[in-house]
Amino acid sequence: MDNANKQKQMESVYKILSEEFKKNRTPIVDLIDVQTGDPFKVLVATILSARTKDETTAAASRRLFERVKCLDDLDKLTEKEVSKLIFPVGFYKVKARHLKQLPSAIREQFGGEIPQDVDELTKLPGVGRKTANLVVAVAFKKPAVCVDVHVHRIMNRLGYIDTKTPLQTEMELRKVLPQKFWTTFNSYFVSFGQHTCSPVRPKCDRCPIRKYCDHGGR
C-alpha cells in the first residue's frame, strides 16, 4: 500500500476508533488526568499501570492518592508503606522503590517540576519510553508517540507498519503517523486492544475496522 492510501486508511481508522473509545471505559491514566489535571498524579499512575490491569491500577492509585497528594507526601511514607498501598500491581515492590526515589530525583534534576520532555522523563526512576510518552501526551497535551503492546500489535495487524518491537514501532510511527493523531491515538488503540483486538482470539467478527486490517481474522 502506498503512503497516500495508508494515510487515508489511518484517517478512517482513527475516526472509527475515536467513536469506539466513547463506548468503552476510559483507561485509568486518562481518567486520572480528567479528574485531577495533575501531572504528578498522571506520572505516578502511569508508573503503576505498567503490566497491570486498569481495575487494579485504579484501586491502587485511589489508595495511594488518599495519602499522597504531592512529592512531599511520598517522602513521608516508607517504602514498605508505599508497597502495601499499591499491592497487587505488577512488580509492586520494584515500583514502590522507584516511587520512593522519585521526589529526590525530580528535585535534584528538574527543580521539583515534572519534566515535559520524553528524554528527560526517562531519566526518572521507573520511567521508560512508553511511560514518558504517555505522560507527555496525557498530562501536558503535547505530541508524543506512546507505544505499548496494544499499539504495536494493532498497527502491525493493520499493515500500517511492519516492525518487530515496540521501540521500532515508536520510531516508525514518528515518521509516518500524522502528528495530529499523536496526543490521543494511544488511548483509542489501547481501549480497542483491551475490548476488541486482543492478543489471542481477537473479536474480528464484530471488529469495526476489519475491512482496513491485513490480519482479517486469521
Protein backbone atom coordinates (compact mmCIF):
# COMPACT_ATOMS: atom_id res chain seq x y z
CA MET A 1 0.00 0.00 0.00
CA ASP A 2 1.42 3.40 -0.95
CA ASN A 3 1.79 6.19 1.60
CA ALA A 4 -1.20 8.20 0.38
CA ASN A 5 -3.53 5.22 0.77
CA LYS A 6 -2.02 4.42 4.17
CA GLN A 7 -2.79 7.91 5.41
CA LYS A 8 -6.31 7.76 4.01
CA GLN A 9 -6.78 4.42 5.78
CA MET A 10 -5.49 5.85 9.07
CA GLU A 11 -7.89 8.78 8.84
CA SER A 12 -10.78 6.31 8.63
CA VAL A 13 -9.44 4.01 11.34
CA TYR A 14 -8.79 6.90 13.70
CA LYS A 15 -12.29 8.29 13.26
CA ILE A 16 -13.90 4.89 13.90
CA LEU A 17 -11.76 4.15 16.96
CA SER A 18 -12.47 7.58 18.42
CA GLU A 19 -16.16 6.66 18.37
CA GLU A 20 -15.45 3.21 19.83
CA PHE A 21 -13.46 4.85 22.61
CA LYS A 22 -16.55 6.75 23.75
CA LYS A 23 -18.44 3.47 24.22
CA ASN A 24 -15.84 1.83 26.45
CA ARG A 25 -14.33 2.52 29.84
CA THR A 26 -11.69 5.23 29.84
CA PRO A 27 -8.15 3.94 30.51
CA ILE A 28 -7.16 4.77 34.08
CA VAL A 29 -4.40 7.26 33.26
CA ASP A 30 -6.77 9.34 31.11
CA LEU A 31 -9.38 9.16 33.85
CA ILE A 32 -6.95 10.44 36.50
CA ASP A 33 -5.97 13.30 34.18
CA VAL A 34 -9.62 14.24 33.67
CA GLN A 35 -10.31 14.11 37.39
CA THR A 36 -7.21 15.93 38.63
CA GLY A 37 -5.31 17.61 35.79
CA ASP A 38 -2.22 16.91 37.91
CA PRO A 39 0.97 15.84 36.05
CA PHE A 40 2.38 14.34 39.26
CA LYS A 41 -0.59 12.00 39.67
CA VAL A 42 -0.59 11.14 35.97
CA LEU A 43 3.11 10.22 36.25
CA VAL A 44 2.57 8.08 39.34
CA ALA A 45 -0.50 6.34 37.90
CA THR A 46 1.37 5.63 34.67
CA ILE A 47 4.24 4.03 36.59
CA LEU A 48 1.73 1.88 38.49
CA SER A 49 -0.12 0.88 35.32
CA ALA A 50 2.78 -0.94 33.67
CA ARG A 51 1.88 -4.64 33.23
CA THR A 52 -1.21 -4.14 35.37
CA LYS A 53 -4.91 -4.25 34.60
CA ASP A 54 -6.77 -0.92 34.70
CA GLU A 55 -9.01 -2.10 37.54
CA THR A 56 -6.01 -2.96 39.70
CA THR A 57 -4.24 0.28 38.83
CA ALA A 58 -7.37 2.29 39.65
CA ALA A 59 -7.73 0.71 43.09
CA ALA A 60 -4.02 1.10 43.89
CA SER A 61 -4.00 4.73 42.69
CA ARG A 62 -7.04 5.52 44.80
CA ARG A 63 -5.41 4.08 47.94
CA LEU A 64 -2.11 5.82 47.27
CA PHE A 65 -3.62 9.21 46.43
CA GLU A 66 -5.60 9.22 49.67
CA ARG A 67 -2.21 9.56 51.37
CA VAL A 68 -0.09 11.13 48.64
CA LYS A 69 -1.07 14.44 47.03
CA CYS A 70 2.40 15.66 46.07
CA LEU A 71 6.12 14.84 46.09
CA ASP A 72 6.48 15.81 49.76
CA ASP A 73 3.84 13.28 50.77
CA LEU A 74 5.82 10.48 49.12
CA ASP A 75 8.80 11.42 51.29
CA LYS A 76 6.71 10.93 54.42
CA LEU A 77 5.94 7.28 53.62
CA THR A 78 8.33 4.39 53.96
CA GLU A 79 8.99 2.10 51.02
CA LYS A 80 7.13 -0.63 52.90
CA GLU A 81 4.09 1.62 53.33
CA VAL A 82 4.08 2.52 49.63
CA SER A 83 4.44 -1.15 48.73
CA LYS A 84 1.44 -2.05 50.89
CA LEU A 85 -0.69 0.72 49.40
CA ILE A 86 -0.05 -0.23 45.77
CA PHE A 87 -0.21 -4.03 46.14
CA PRO A 88 -1.11 -6.03 44.00
CA VAL A 89 0.01 -4.03 40.94
CA GLY A 90 2.59 -5.82 38.84
CA PHE A 91 6.13 -5.66 40.30
CA TYR A 92 4.77 -3.65 43.23
CA LYS A 93 7.99 -3.90 45.28
CA VAL A 94 10.08 -2.52 42.42
CA LYS A 95 7.54 0.23 41.77
CA ALA A 96 7.45 1.15 45.47
CA ARG A 97 11.22 1.59 45.40
CA HIS A 98 11.03 3.74 42.28
CA LEU A 99 8.24 5.89 43.75
CA LYS A 100 10.32 6.50 46.89
CA GLN A 101 13.24 7.61 44.69
CA LEU A 102 11.03 9.90 42.60
CA PRO A 103 10.89 13.04 44.84
CA SER A 104 14.66 13.41 45.20
CA ALA A 105 15.22 12.67 41.50
CA ILE A 106 12.71 15.31 40.41
CA ARG A 107 14.07 17.91 42.83
CA GLU A 108 17.74 17.29 42.05
CA GLN A 109 17.41 17.04 38.27
CA PHE A 110 14.42 19.25 37.49
CA GLY A 111 13.99 21.69 40.36
CA GLY A 112 10.91 19.94 41.72
CA GLU A 113 8.92 20.19 38.46
CA ILE A 114 7.72 17.24 36.41
CA PRO A 115 9.66 17.48 33.12
CA GLN A 116 7.64 17.80 29.92
CA ASP A 117 10.18 16.19 27.61
CA VAL A 118 10.28 12.45 26.82
CA ASP A 119 14.06 12.11 27.08
CA GLU A 120 14.14 14.00 30.37
CA LEU A 121 11.33 11.93 31.83
CA THR A 122 13.20 8.70 31.06
CA LYS A 123 15.92 9.85 33.47
CA LEU A 124 13.48 9.34 36.35
CA PRO A 125 13.32 6.01 38.23
CA GLY A 126 10.76 3.61 36.82
CA VAL A 127 10.09 5.68 33.70
CA GLY A 128 10.65 4.04 30.31
CA ARG A 129 9.81 5.45 26.91
CA LYS A 130 6.20 4.23 26.95
CA THR A 131 5.57 5.88 30.31
CA ALA A 132 7.38 9.07 29.31
CA ASN A 133 5.45 9.43 26.05
CA LEU A 134 2.16 8.79 27.81
CA VAL A 135 2.85 11.42 30.47
CA VAL A 136 3.81 13.99 27.82
CA ALA A 137 0.66 13.27 25.80
CA VAL A 138 -1.84 12.91 28.66
CA ALA A 139 -0.54 15.29 31.32
CA PHE A 140 0.89 18.02 29.11
CA LYS A 141 -1.18 17.58 25.92
CA LYS A 142 2.00 17.70 23.82
CA PRO A 143 2.67 15.50 20.77
CA ALA A 144 4.20 12.19 21.82
CA VAL A 145 4.14 8.71 20.30
CA CYS A 146 3.26 6.34 23.12
CA VAL A 147 3.59 2.71 22.07
CA ASP A 148 2.58 -0.23 24.23
CA VAL A 149 1.79 -3.83 23.30
CA HIS A 150 -1.70 -2.86 22.06
CA VAL A 151 -0.45 -0.14 19.71
CA HIS A 152 2.41 -2.35 18.48
CA ARG A 153 0.06 -5.28 17.82
CA ILE A 154 -2.78 -3.37 16.15
CA MET A 155 -0.62 -1.17 13.94
CA ASN A 156 1.13 -4.26 12.61
CA ARG A 157 -2.10 -6.21 12.18
CA LEU A 158 -3.49 -3.34 10.17
CA GLY A 159 -0.43 -3.45 7.95
CA TYR A 160 0.19 0.24 8.60
CA ILE A 161 3.75 -0.62 9.66
CA ASP A 162 5.95 -3.72 9.73
CA THR A 163 8.03 -3.78 12.91
CA LYS A 164 9.28 -6.34 15.42
CA THR A 165 9.41 -4.42 18.72
CA PRO A 166 7.51 -1.58 20.42
CA LEU A 167 10.60 0.64 20.16
CA GLN A 168 10.78 0.05 16.40
CA THR A 169 7.06 0.82 16.23
CA GLU A 170 7.54 4.11 18.06
CA MET A 171 10.35 5.19 15.77
CA GLU A 172 8.41 4.21 12.63
CA LEU A 173 5.21 5.92 13.78
CA ARG A 174 7.18 9.10 14.43
CA LYS A 175 7.98 9.03 10.70
CA VAL A 176 4.64 8.02 9.21
CA LEU A 177 1.81 8.82 11.66
CA PRO A 178 0.42 12.36 11.16
CA GLN A 179 1.27 14.43 14.22
CA LYS A 180 -2.36 15.48 14.66
CA PHE A 181 -3.03 11.93 15.94
CA TRP A 182 -0.14 11.70 18.38
CA THR A 183 -1.76 13.08 21.52
CA THR A 184 -4.83 10.83 21.57
CA PHE A 185 -4.17 7.78 19.39
CA ASN A 186 -2.69 5.71 22.24
CA SER A 187 -5.86 5.99 24.32
CA TYR A 188 -8.01 4.91 21.35
CA PHE A 189 -5.81 1.97 20.39
CA VAL A 190 -5.32 0.75 23.97
CA SER A 191 -9.06 0.79 24.61
CA PHE A 192 -9.67 -1.01 21.31
CA GLY A 193 -6.97 -3.57 22.13
CA GLN A 194 -8.50 -4.25 25.53
CA HIS A 195 -12.05 -4.68 24.27
CA THR A 196 -11.83 -6.00 20.70
CA CYS A 197 -8.38 -6.55 19.15
CA SER A 198 -7.00 -8.82 21.85
CA PRO A 199 -3.67 -10.69 21.52
CA VAL A 200 -5.37 -14.09 21.37
CA ARG A 201 -8.69 -14.72 19.60
CA PRO A 202 -9.39 -11.11 18.59
CA LYS A 203 -13.09 -10.40 18.06
CA CYS A 204 -12.74 -10.00 14.29
CA ASP A 205 -16.38 -10.93 13.67
CA ARG A 206 -17.50 -7.67 15.25
CA CYS A 207 -14.48 -5.51 14.52
CA PRO A 208 -15.48 -2.07 13.16
CA ILE A 209 -12.18 -1.64 11.28
CA ARG A 210 -11.91 -5.17 9.86
CA LYS A 211 -12.03 -4.03 6.25
CA TYR A 212 -8.85 -2.00 6.83
CA CYS A 213 -6.99 -4.87 8.51
CA ASP A 214 -4.38 -7.15 6.92
CA HIS A 215 -4.94 -9.67 9.72
CA GLY A 216 -8.63 -10.08 8.81
CA GLY A 217 -9.37 -12.71 11.42
CA ARG A 218 -6.52 -15.05 10.51
